[in-house]
C-alpha atoms as a PDB file:
ATOM      1  CA  MET A   1     -15.316 -22.635   6.188  1.00  0.00           C
ATOM      2  CA  SER A   2     -18.097 -20.057   6.120  1.00  0.00           C
ATOM      3  CA  VAL A   3     -17.081 -16.649   7.429  1.00  0.00           C
ATOM      4  CA  SER A   4     -18.778 -13.291   7.709  1.00  0.00           C
ATOM      5  CA  PHE A   5     -16.854 -10.479   6.082  1.00  0.00           C
ATOM      6  CA  LEU A   6     -16.160  -7.211   7.865  1.00  0.00           C
ATOM      7  CA  PRO A   7     -17.404  -4.437   5.562  1.00  0.00           C
ATOM      8  CA  GLY A   8     -14.762  -1.942   4.463  1.00  0.00           C
ATOM      9  CA  ARG A   9     -15.322   1.502   5.924  1.00  0.00           C
ATOM     10  CA  ARG A  10     -13.611   3.814   3.493  1.00  0.00           C
ATOM     11  CA  LYS A  11     -14.312   7.443   4.226  1.00  0.00           C
ATOM     12  CA  PRO A  12     -15.488   9.780   1.446  1.00  0.00           C
ATOM     13  CA  VAL A  13     -12.789  12.133   0.221  1.00  0.00           C
ATOM     14  CA  ALA A  14     -14.911  14.824  -1.364  1.00  0.00           C
ATOM     15  CA  ASP A  15     -16.248  16.418   1.812  1.00  0.00           C
ATOM     16  CA  GLN A  16     -13.574  15.819   4.433  1.00  0.00           C
ATOM     17  CA  ALA A  17      -9.852  15.356   4.916  1.00  0.00           C
ATOM     18  CA  ARG A  18      -8.622  12.283   3.109  1.00  0.00           C
ATOM     19  CA  PRO A  19      -7.919   9.217   5.251  1.00  0.00           C
ATOM     20  CA  ILE A  20      -4.349   8.614   6.392  1.00  0.00           C
ATOM     21  CA  CYS A  21      -3.396   5.019   7.144  1.00  0.00           C
ATOM     22  CA  LEU A  22      -0.452   3.340   8.840  1.00  0.00           C
ATOM     23  CA  ALA A  23       1.441   0.922   6.593  1.00  0.00           C
ATOM     24  CA  PRO A  24       2.983  -2.174   8.189  1.00  0.00           C
ATOM     25  CA  LEU A  25       6.512  -1.409   7.009  1.00  0.00           C
ATOM     26  CA  THR A  26       6.563   1.692   9.238  1.00  0.00           C
ATOM     27  CA  VAL A  27       6.228  -0.481  12.356  1.00  0.00           C
ATOM     28  CA  LEU A  28       7.274  -3.851  11.021  1.00  0.00           C
ATOM     29  CA  GLU A  29       8.024  -5.288  14.441  1.00  0.00           C
ATOM     30  CA  LEU A  30       4.297  -5.301  15.217  1.00  0.00           C
ATOM     31  CA  GLY A  31       1.913  -8.078  14.313  1.00  0.00           C
ATOM     32  CA  PRO A  32      -1.526  -7.148  12.917  1.00  0.00           C
ATOM     33  CA  PRO A  33      -3.391  -6.856  16.258  1.00  0.00           C
ATOM     34  CA  GLU A  34      -0.648  -4.683  17.768  1.00  0.00           C
ATOM     35  CA  LEU A  35      -0.467  -2.568  14.619  1.00  0.00           C
ATOM     36  CA  VAL A  36      -4.193  -1.820  14.818  1.00  0.00           C
ATOM     37  CA  ALA A  37      -3.832  -0.777  18.460  1.00  0.00           C
ATOM     38  CA  CYS A  38      -0.789   1.358  17.656  1.00  0.00           C
ATOM     39  CA  ALA A  39      -2.554   3.106  14.778  1.00  0.00           C
ATOM     40  CA  ALA A  40      -5.638   3.799  16.872  1.00  0.00           C
ATOM     41  CA  GLU A  41      -3.607   5.274  19.713  1.00  0.00           C
ATOM     42  CA  ALA A  42      -1.644   7.467  17.289  1.00  0.00           C
ATOM     43  CA  GLY A  43      -4.786   8.788  15.597  1.00  0.00           C
ATOM     44  CA  TYR A  44      -4.760   7.171  12.144  1.00  0.00           C
ATOM     45  CA  ASP A  45      -7.943   6.565  10.191  1.00  0.00           C
ATOM     46  CA  GLY A  46      -6.977   3.095   9.014  1.00  0.00           C
ATOM     47  CA  VAL A  47      -4.212   0.569   8.524  1.00  0.00           C
ATOM     48  CA  GLY A  48      -2.529  -1.665   6.009  1.00  0.00           C
ATOM     49  CA  LEU A  49      -1.816  -5.224   7.110  1.00  0.00           C
ATOM     50  CA  ARG A  50       0.969  -7.555   5.997  1.00  0.00           C
ATOM     51  CA  LEU A  51      -0.501 -11.049   5.782  1.00  0.00           C
ATOM     52  CA  ILE A  52       2.397 -12.554   3.811  1.00  0.00           C
ATOM     53  CA  ARG A  53       5.932 -11.630   4.804  1.00  0.00           C
ATOM     54  CA  ALA A  54       8.074  -9.892   2.205  1.00  0.00           C
ATOM     55  CA  THR A  55      11.478 -11.208   3.302  1.00  0.00           C
ATOM     56  CA  GLU A  56      12.824 -14.265   5.096  1.00  0.00           C
ATOM     57  CA  GLN A  57      14.027 -11.990   7.908  1.00  0.00           C
ATOM     58  CA  GLU A  58      10.453 -11.216   8.940  1.00  0.00           C
ATOM     59  CA  PRO A  59       8.765 -13.449  11.502  1.00  0.00           C
ATOM     60  CA  ILE A  60       6.334 -16.102  10.360  1.00  0.00           C
ATOM     61  CA  ARG A  61       2.892 -15.263  11.747  1.00  0.00           C
ATOM     62  CA  PRO A  62      -0.422 -17.155  11.417  1.00  0.00           C
ATOM     63  CA  THR A  63      -2.026 -14.452   9.301  1.00  0.00           C
ATOM     64  CA  VAL A  64      -3.633 -16.321   6.387  1.00  0.00           C
ATOM     65  CA  GLY A  65      -6.896 -18.007   7.278  1.00  0.00           C
ATOM     66  CA  ILE A  66      -9.302 -17.182  10.083  1.00  0.00           C
ATOM     67  CA  THR A  67      -6.727 -17.856  12.771  1.00  0.00           C
ATOM     68  CA  PRO A  68      -6.870 -16.670  16.403  1.00  0.00           C
ATOM     69  CA  MET A  69      -4.515 -13.797  15.459  1.00  0.00           C
ATOM     70  CA  ILE A  70      -6.770 -12.742  12.598  1.00  0.00           C
ATOM     71  CA  ARG A  71      -9.864 -12.953  14.807  1.00  0.00           C
ATOM     72  CA  GLU A  72      -8.134 -10.745  17.382  1.00  0.00           C
ATOM     73  CA  THR A  73      -7.181  -8.288  14.648  1.00  0.00           C
ATOM     74  CA  ARG A  74     -10.800  -8.076  13.524  1.00  0.00           C
ATOM     75  CA  ARG A  75     -11.951  -7.569  17.116  1.00  0.00           C
ATOM     76  CA  ARG A  76      -9.571  -4.652  17.519  1.00  0.00           C
ATOM     77  CA  LEU A  77     -10.700  -3.136  14.232  1.00  0.00           C
ATOM     78  CA  VAL A  78     -14.300  -3.258  15.430  1.00  0.00           C
ATOM     79  CA  ASP A  79     -13.392  -1.839  18.836  1.00  0.00           C
ATOM     80  CA  THR A  80     -11.319   1.037  17.441  1.00  0.00           C
ATOM     81  CA  GLY A  81     -13.390   1.875  14.352  1.00  0.00           C
ATOM     82  CA  LEU A  82     -10.322   1.765  12.123  1.00  0.00           C
ATOM     83  CA  PHE A  83     -10.621   0.339   8.618  1.00  0.00           C
ATOM     84  CA  VAL A  84      -8.212  -1.793   6.599  1.00  0.00           C
ATOM     85  CA  LEU A  85      -7.094  -0.015   3.454  1.00  0.00           C
ATOM     86  CA  ASP A  86      -4.936  -2.778   1.973  1.00  0.00           C
ATOM     87  CA  VAL A  87      -3.403  -6.164   2.637  1.00  0.00           C
ATOM     88  CA  GLU A  88      -0.031  -7.293   1.324  1.00  0.00           C
ATOM     89  CA  VAL A  89       1.927  -8.633  -0.358  1.00  0.00           C
ATOM     90  CA  LEU A  90       1.066 -10.831  -3.348  1.00  0.00           C
ATOM     91  CA  ARG A  91       3.896 -11.592  -5.764  1.00  0.00           C
ATOM     92  CA  LEU A  92       3.142 -12.531  -9.366  1.00  0.00           C
ATOM     93  CA  ARG A  93       5.810 -15.076 -10.317  1.00  0.00           C
ATOM     94  CA  PRO A  94       6.277 -17.317 -13.381  1.00  0.00           C
ATOM     95  CA  GLU A  95       4.844 -20.269 -11.439  1.00  0.00           C
ATOM     96  CA  THR A  96       1.856 -18.361  -9.999  1.00  0.00           C
ATOM     97  CA  ARG A  97      -1.526 -20.112 -10.030  1.00  0.00           C
ATOM     98  CA  VAL A  98      -3.808 -17.305  -9.009  1.00  0.00           C
ATOM     99  CA  ARG A  99      -6.809 -19.065  -7.471  1.00  0.00           C
ATOM    100  CA  ASP A 100      -4.814 -21.851  -5.843  1.00  0.00           C
ATOM    101  CA  ASP A 101      -2.184 -19.488  -4.460  1.00  0.00           C
ATOM    102  CA  PHE A 102      -4.234 -16.471  -3.413  1.00  0.00           C
ATOM    103  CA  ALA A 103      -7.820 -17.427  -2.543  1.00  0.00           C
ATOM    104  CA  ALA A 104      -7.132 -17.996   1.171  1.00  0.00           C
ATOM    105  CA  PHE A 105      -5.243 -14.678   1.381  1.00  0.00           C
ATOM    106  CA  LEU A 106      -8.142 -12.824  -0.242  1.00  0.00           C
ATOM    107  CA  GLU A 107     -10.692 -14.472   2.036  1.00  0.00           C
ATOM    108  CA  THR A 108      -8.639 -13.313   5.016  1.00  0.00           C
ATOM    109  CA  GLY A 109      -8.433  -9.777   3.686  1.00  0.00           C
ATOM    110  CA  ALA A 110     -12.172  -9.664   3.111  1.00  0.00           C
ATOM    111  CA  TYR A 111     -12.821 -10.966   6.628  1.00  0.00           C
ATOM    112  CA  LEU A 112     -10.829  -7.980   7.887  1.00  0.00           C
ATOM    113  CA  GLY A 113     -12.656  -5.514   5.630  1.00  0.00           C
ATOM    114  CA  ALA A 114      -9.785  -4.712   3.252  1.00  0.00           C
ATOM    115  CA  THR A 115     -10.687  -3.236  -0.126  1.00  0.00           C
ATOM    116  CA  GLN A 116      -7.224  -3.099  -1.739  1.00  0.00           C
ATOM    117  CA  VAL A 117      -4.440  -5.610  -2.341  1.00  0.00           C
ATOM    118  CA  LEU A 118      -0.778  -4.686  -2.855  1.00  0.00           C
ATOM    119  CA  VAL A 119       0.815  -6.674  -5.693  1.00  0.00           C
ATOM    120  CA  THR A 120       4.368  -6.870  -7.040  1.00  0.00           C
ATOM    121  CA  GLY A 121       5.513  -8.178 -10.401  1.00  0.00           C
ATOM    122  CA  ASN A 122       8.229 -10.793 -10.020  1.00  0.00           C
ATOM    123  CA  ASP A 123       8.015 -12.286 -13.498  1.00  0.00           C
ATOM    124  CA  PRO A 124      10.183 -11.021 -16.385  1.00  0.00           C
ATOM    125  CA  ASP A 125       7.430 -12.019 -18.815  1.00  0.00           C
ATOM    126  CA  HIS A 126       5.207  -8.956 -18.627  1.00  0.00           C
ATOM    127  CA  GLY A 127       2.569 -10.549 -20.813  1.00  0.00           C
ATOM    128  CA  ARG A 128       2.166 -13.361 -18.313  1.00  0.00           C
ATOM    129  CA  THR A 129       2.198 -10.808 -15.483  1.00  0.00           C
ATOM    130  CA  ALA A 130      -0.684  -8.974 -17.149  1.00  0.00           C
ATOM    131  CA  ASP A 131      -2.616 -12.222 -17.594  1.00  0.00           C
ATOM    132  CA  ASN A 132      -2.116 -13.167 -13.947  1.00  0.00           C
ATOM    133  CA  LEU A 133      -3.011  -9.669 -12.772  1.00  0.00           C
ATOM    134  CA  ALA A 134      -6.205  -9.818 -14.831  1.00  0.00           C
ATOM    135  CA  GLU A 135      -7.113 -13.175 -13.300  1.00  0.00           C
ATOM    136  CA  LEU A 136      -6.322 -11.803  -9.851  1.00  0.00           C
ATOM    137  CA  GLY A 137      -8.584  -8.823 -10.508  1.00  0.00           C
ATOM    138  CA  VAL A 138     -11.507 -11.107 -11.305  1.00  0.00           C
ATOM    139  CA  LEU A 139     -10.844 -13.322  -8.269  1.00  0.00           C
ATOM    140  CA  ALA A 140     -10.341 -10.382  -5.906  1.00  0.00           C
ATOM    141  CA  ALA A 141     -13.650  -8.877  -7.033  1.00  0.00           C
ATOM    142  CA  GLU A 142     -15.394 -11.961  -5.639  1.00  0.00           C
ATOM    143  CA  PHE A 143     -14.167 -10.783  -2.222  1.00  0.00           C
ATOM    144  CA  GLY A 144     -14.923  -7.077  -2.769  1.00  0.00           C
ATOM    145  CA  MET A 145     -11.264  -6.208  -3.319  1.00  0.00           C
ATOM    146  CA  THR A 146      -9.047  -4.842  -6.099  1.00  0.00           C
ATOM    147  CA  PRO A 147      -5.348  -5.567  -6.775  1.00  0.00           C
ATOM    148  CA  ASN A 148      -2.845  -2.763  -7.263  1.00  0.00           C
ATOM    149  CA  LEU A 149       0.498  -3.293  -9.009  1.00  0.00           C
ATOM    150  CA  GLU A 150       3.375  -1.447  -7.356  1.00  0.00           C
ATOM    151  CA  PRO A 151       6.517  -0.863  -9.447  1.00  0.00           C
ATOM    152  CA  MET A 152       9.779  -1.304  -7.522  1.00  0.00           C
ATOM    153  CA  PRO A 153      13.310  -1.074  -8.942  1.00  0.00           C
ATOM    154  CA  TRP A 154      14.338  -4.471  -7.536  1.00  0.00           C
ATOM    155  CA  THR A 155      11.377  -6.357  -9.029  1.00  0.00           C
ATOM    156  CA  ALA A 156      10.641  -7.335 -12.618  1.00  0.00           C
ATOM    157  CA  VAL A 157       8.237  -4.376 -12.870  1.00  0.00           C
ATOM    158  CA  ARG A 158      10.762  -1.653 -12.240  1.00  0.00           C
ATOM    159  CA  ASN A 159       9.072   1.644 -12.960  1.00  0.00           C
ATOM    160  CA  LEU A 160       5.878   3.557 -13.611  1.00  0.00           C
ATOM    161  CA  GLY A 161       5.998   3.047 -17.372  1.00  0.00           C
ATOM    162  CA  GLU A 162       6.289  -0.735 -17.125  1.00  0.00           C
ATOM    163  CA  ALA A 163       3.522  -0.901 -14.541  1.00  0.00           C
ATOM    164  CA  ALA A 164       1.224   1.303 -16.621  1.00  0.00           C
ATOM    165  CA  ARG A 165       1.669  -0.874 -19.697  1.00  0.00           C
ATOM    166  CA  ILE A 166       0.833  -4.003 -17.714  1.00  0.00           C
ATOM    167  CA  VAL A 167      -2.207  -2.477 -16.012  1.00  0.00           C
ATOM    168  CA  GLY A 168      -3.335  -1.074 -19.344  1.00  0.00           C
ATOM    169  CA  ARG A 169      -3.558  -4.606 -20.702  1.00  0.00           C
ATOM    170  CA  CYS A 170      -5.874  -5.773 -17.900  1.00  0.00           C
ATOM    171  CA  ALA A 171      -7.581  -2.680 -16.505  1.00  0.00           C
ATOM    172  CA  ASP A 172     -10.993  -4.130 -17.415  1.00  0.00           C
ATOM    173  CA  SER A 173     -10.413  -6.674 -14.640  1.00  0.00           C
ATOM    174  CA  GLY A 174     -10.360  -3.907 -12.028  1.00  0.00           C
ATOM    175  CA  ALA A 175      -6.585  -3.909 -11.542  1.00  0.00           C
ATOM    176  CA  GLY A 176      -4.973  -0.658 -10.485  1.00  0.00           C
ATOM    177  CA  LEU A 177      -1.569   0.944 -10.064  1.00  0.00           C
ATOM    178  CA  LEU A 178       0.024   1.905  -6.742  1.00  0.00           C
ATOM    179  CA  VAL A 179       2.445   4.825  -6.552  1.00  0.00           C
ATOM    180  CA  ASP A 180       5.008   4.737  -3.727  1.00  0.00           C
ATOM    181  CA  ALA A 181       6.798   8.036  -3.192  1.00  0.00           C
ATOM    182  CA  ILE A 182      10.298   6.578  -2.815  1.00  0.00           C
ATOM    183  CA  HIS A 183      10.119   4.506  -6.003  1.00  0.00           C
ATOM    184  CA  TYR A 184       8.519   7.421  -7.871  1.00  0.00           C
ATOM    185  CA  ASP A 185      11.413   9.638  -6.837  1.00  0.00           C
ATOM    186  CA  ARG A 186      14.205   7.126  -7.453  1.00  0.00           C
ATOM    187  CA  GLU A 187      13.141   6.539 -11.063  1.00  0.00           C
ATOM    188  CA  LEU A 188      13.051  10.337 -11.620  1.00  0.00           C
ATOM    189  CA  ALA A 189       9.360  10.277 -12.491  1.00  0.00           C
ATOM    190  CA  THR A 190       7.511  13.599 -12.586  1.00  0.00           C
ATOM    191  CA  PRO A 191       4.025  14.898 -11.803  1.00  0.00           C
ATOM    192  CA  GLU A 192       3.511  15.092 -15.562  1.00  0.00           C
ATOM    193  CA  ASP A 193       4.180  11.359 -15.792  1.00  0.00           C
ATOM    194  CA  LEU A 194       1.572  10.740 -13.109  1.00  0.00           C
ATOM    195  CA  SER A 195      -0.975  12.971 -14.808  1.00  0.00           C
ATOM    196  CA  ARG A 196      -0.953  10.592 -17.786  1.00  0.00           C
ATOM    197  CA  VAL A 197      -2.051   7.655 -15.618  1.00  0.00           C
ATOM    198  CA  PRO A 198      -5.849   7.187 -15.793  1.00  0.00           C
ATOM    199  CA  ALA A 199      -7.320   8.441 -12.535  1.00  0.00           C
ATOM    200  CA  GLU A 200      -9.480   5.338 -12.114  1.00  0.00           C
ATOM    201  CA  TRP A 201      -6.346   3.193 -11.811  1.00  0.00           C
ATOM    202  CA  ILE A 202      -5.275   4.997  -8.623  1.00  0.00           C
ATOM    203  CA  ARG A 203      -7.035   3.832  -5.445  1.00  0.00           C
ATOM    204  CA  TYR A 204      -4.459   4.952  -2.862  1.00  0.00           C
ATOM    205  CA  ALA A 205      -0.868   6.152  -2.628  1.00  0.00           C
ATOM    206  CA  GLN A 206       2.057   5.469  -0.311  1.00  0.00           C
ATOM    207  CA  ILE A 207       4.016   8.409   1.069  1.00  0.00           C
ATOM    208  CA  CYS A 208       7.368   8.837   2.786  1.00  0.00           C
ATOM    209  CA  ASP A 209      10.546  10.787   2.116  1.00  0.00           C
ATOM    210  CA  ALA A 210      14.192   9.989   1.442  1.00  0.00           C
ATOM    211  CA  VAL A 211      17.710  11.373   1.348  1.00  0.00           C
ATOM    212  CA  LEU A 212      20.004  12.597  -1.410  1.00  0.00           C
ATOM    213  CA  PRO A 213      22.021  11.505  -3.293  1.00  0.00           C
ATOM    214  CA  ARG A 214      19.848   8.905  -4.925  1.00  0.00           C
ATOM    215  CA  PRO A 215      21.356   5.408  -4.768  1.00  0.00           C
ATOM    216  CA  GLU A 216      23.132   4.077  -7.842  1.00  0.00           C
ATOM    217  CA  SER A 217      22.879   0.367  -7.000  1.00  0.00           C
ATOM    218  CA  VAL A 218      19.829  -1.851  -6.744  1.00  0.00           C
ATOM    219  CA  ASP A 219      21.094  -3.196  -3.424  1.00  0.00           C
ATOM    220  CA  GLU A 220      21.147   0.282  -1.915  1.00  0.00           C
ATOM    221  CA  LEU A 221      17.750   1.106  -3.424  1.00  0.00           C
ATOM    222  CA  ARG A 222      16.410  -2.010  -1.741  1.00  0.00           C
ATOM    223  CA  ARG A 223      18.068  -1.236   1.600  1.00  0.00           C
ATOM    224  CA  GLN A 224      16.734   2.309   1.720  1.00  0.00           C
ATOM    225  CA  GLY A 225      13.305   1.246   0.523  1.00  0.00           C
ATOM    226  CA  ARG A 226      12.953  -1.407   3.200  1.00  0.00           C
ATOM    227  CA  SER A 227      14.615   0.205   6.192  1.00  0.00           C
ATOM    228  CA  ALA A 228      16.052   3.700   5.665  1.00  0.00           C
ATOM    229  CA  ARG A 229      13.376   6.133   4.564  1.00  0.00           C
ATOM    230  CA  LEU A 230      12.383   9.439   6.141  1.00  0.00           C
ATOM    231  CA  PHE A 231       9.040  10.761   7.320  1.00  0.00           C
ATOM    232  CA  PRO A 232       7.042  12.718   4.703  1.00  0.00           C
ATOM    233  CA  GLY A 233       8.321  16.249   4.200  1.00  0.00           C
ATOM    234  CA  GLU A 234      11.716  15.615   5.808  1.00  0.00           C
ATOM    235  CA  GLY A 235      13.765  14.752   2.711  1.00  0.00           C
ATOM    236  CA  CYS A 236      14.262  15.394  -0.990  1.00  0.00           C
ATOM    237  CA  ILE A 237      11.105  13.895  -2.502  1.00  0.00           C
ATOM    238  CA  GLY A 238       8.501  16.230  -3.952  1.00  0.00           C
ATOM    239  CA  VAL A 239       5.665  14.499  -2.125  1.00  0.00           C
ATOM    240  CA  VAL A 240       3.279  17.463  -2.357  1.00  0.00           C
ATOM    241  CA  PRO A 241       3.527  17.806  -6.174  1.00  0.00           C
ATOM    242  CA  MET A 242       3.251  14.034  -6.454  1.00  0.00           C
ATOM    243  CA  LEU A 243      -0.002  13.982  -4.479  1.00  0.00           C
ATOM    244  CA  ARG A 244      -1.396  16.939  -6.418  1.00  0.00           C
ATOM    245  CA  ALA A 245      -0.845  15.007  -9.656  1.00  0.00           C
ATOM    246  CA  LEU A 246      -2.881  12.070  -8.330  1.00  0.00           C
ATOM    247  CA  PRO A 247      -6.595  11.844  -7.509  1.00  0.00           C
ATOM    248  CA  PRO A 248      -7.342  12.770  -3.858  1.00  0.00           C
ATOM    249  CA  VAL A 249      -7.195   9.160  -2.695  1.00  0.00           C
ATOM    250  CA  PRO A 250      -6.346   7.823   0.783  1.00  0.00           C
ATOM    251  CA  VAL A 251      -2.672   7.771   1.658  1.00  0.00           C
ATOM    252  CA  SER A 252      -0.711   5.075   3.431  1.00  0.00           C
ATOM    253  CA  VAL A 253       2.335   6.224   5.383  1.00  0.00           C
ATOM    254  CA  GLU A 254       5.106   3.749   4.580  1.00  0.00           C
ATOM    255  CA  ALA A 255       8.137   5.212   6.316  1.00  0.00           C
ATOM    256  CA  PRO A 256      10.555   2.762   7.938  1.00  0.00           C
ATOM    257  CA  VAL A 257      13.114   5.078   9.515  1.00  0.00           C
ATOM    258  CA  GLN A 258      16.431   4.483  11.217  1.00  0.00           C
ATOM    259  CA  TRP A 259      15.311   5.660  14.629  1.00  0.00           C
ATOM    260  CA  ASN A 260      15.510   3.467  17.700  1.00  0.00           C
ATOM    261  CA  ALA A 261      12.256   4.673  19.217  1.00  0.00           C
ATOM    262  CA  PRO A 262       9.182   2.682  20.243  1.00  0.00           C
ATOM    263  CA  ALA A 263       6.715   1.876  17.480  1.00  0.00           C
ATOM    264  CA  GLY A 264       4.083   4.197  18.935  1.00  0.00           C
ATOM    265  CA  VAL A 265       6.474   7.143  18.979  1.00  0.00           C
ATOM    266  CA  ARG A 266       7.470   6.542  15.360  1.00  0.00           C
ATOM    267  CA  ALA A 267       3.846   6.103  14.302  1.00  0.00           C
ATOM    268  CA  ARG A 268       2.810   9.409  15.871  1.00  0.00           C
ATOM    269  CA  ALA A 269       5.735  11.260  14.287  1.00  0.00           C
ATOM    270  CA  ALA A 270       4.924   9.739  10.890  1.00  0.00           C
ATOM    271  CA  LEU A 271       1.280  10.804  11.187  1.00  0.00           C
ATOM    272  CA  ARG A 272       2.171  14.339  12.229  1.00  0.00           C
ATOM    273  CA  THR A 273       4.393  14.868   9.188  1.00  0.00           C
ATOM    274  CA  ALA A 274       1.962  13.103   6.858  1.00  0.00           C
ATOM    275  CA  ARG A 275      -0.889  15.369   7.925  1.00  0.00           C
ATOM    276  CA  ALA A 276       1.208  18.434   7.140  1.00  0.00           C
ATOM    277  CA  VAL A 277       2.138  17.140   3.679  1.00  0.00           C
ATOM    278  CA  VAL A 278      -1.419  16.067   2.841  1.00  0.00           C
ATOM    279  CA  ALA A 279      -2.779  19.445   3.974  1.00  0.00           C
ATOM    280  CA  LEU A 280      -0.379  21.243   1.638  1.00  0.00           C
ATOM    281  CA  ALA A 281      -1.289  18.955  -1.232  1.00  0.00           C
ATOM    282  CA  ASP A 282      -5.017  19.306  -0.698  1.00  0.00           C
ATOM    283  CA  ALA A 283      -4.782  23.078  -0.363  1.00  0.00           C
ATOM    284  CA  GLY A 284      -3.648  23.213  -3.991  1.00  0.00           C
ATOM    285  CA  GLN A 285      -5.917  20.482  -5.367  1.00  0.00           C
ATOM    286  CA  PRO A 286      -9.701  20.591  -5.060  1.00  0.00           C
ATOM    287  CA  ALA A 287     -11.289  17.254  -4.246  1.00  0.00           C
ATOM    288  CA  LEU A 288     -12.872  15.403  -7.149  1.00  0.00           C
ATOM    289  CA  SER A 289     -16.611  15.119  -7.051  1.00  0.00           C
ATOM    290  CA  ALA A 290     -17.877  11.845  -5.603  1.00  0.00           C
END
């Protein structure tokens, strides 16, 4: 099928406030069209979209391919002026065949104007993960997109150090590294650790907050990460120092909270707190030149 791609509309960071986007996990009950509408009403600059579900508990939606739902999502993006920051989630497994497994996903993301892809490492062989990530980087570039490896404690790429070593082996392919505030905090990483990551590897960051004490089990890390975070600035994570240690890239608010409020109410509260945190971070960190 021949499709026309929706150009990404990333805003420049050097001369204005950095874009703040709504991540799907914050309002996971919404499908892509409803998420775009919710983000627009709340006042976000852009969105992330989940095209492949992360757990079996999530509903199956027709979100890979140019389906009626994807066409409606694109229509709402055009109508609202929002842009798609990233699409998710691609898992690199031992059996992964990059082009066969991911080409339709990438075509869908490009049709929606996405520029970034969220990737997890689910293969204990980190050499093979690096090879697959490199191949994915080359394939994604055909669609105007770049993959970003996110370390998570319940995956085979558990922390910043492991992710950096993998990306370092294939950075020439365009692959990057995604820092999520909750995983950064739970592994006890520091701003100094982040400062050693090449700036060109960082295309965006995910922000949220979380409670103390830090979990001691992987099961509890997973539970909090998927469903029991806090809004930025409302917990124990040093989100402001984290952002100051990173380039002034767009941020995605990934904050699934335990609050039985409508999605729109949660989205507005998440944006309000995110703006405050980003303003503090940017006040202490001059924007990099474009």
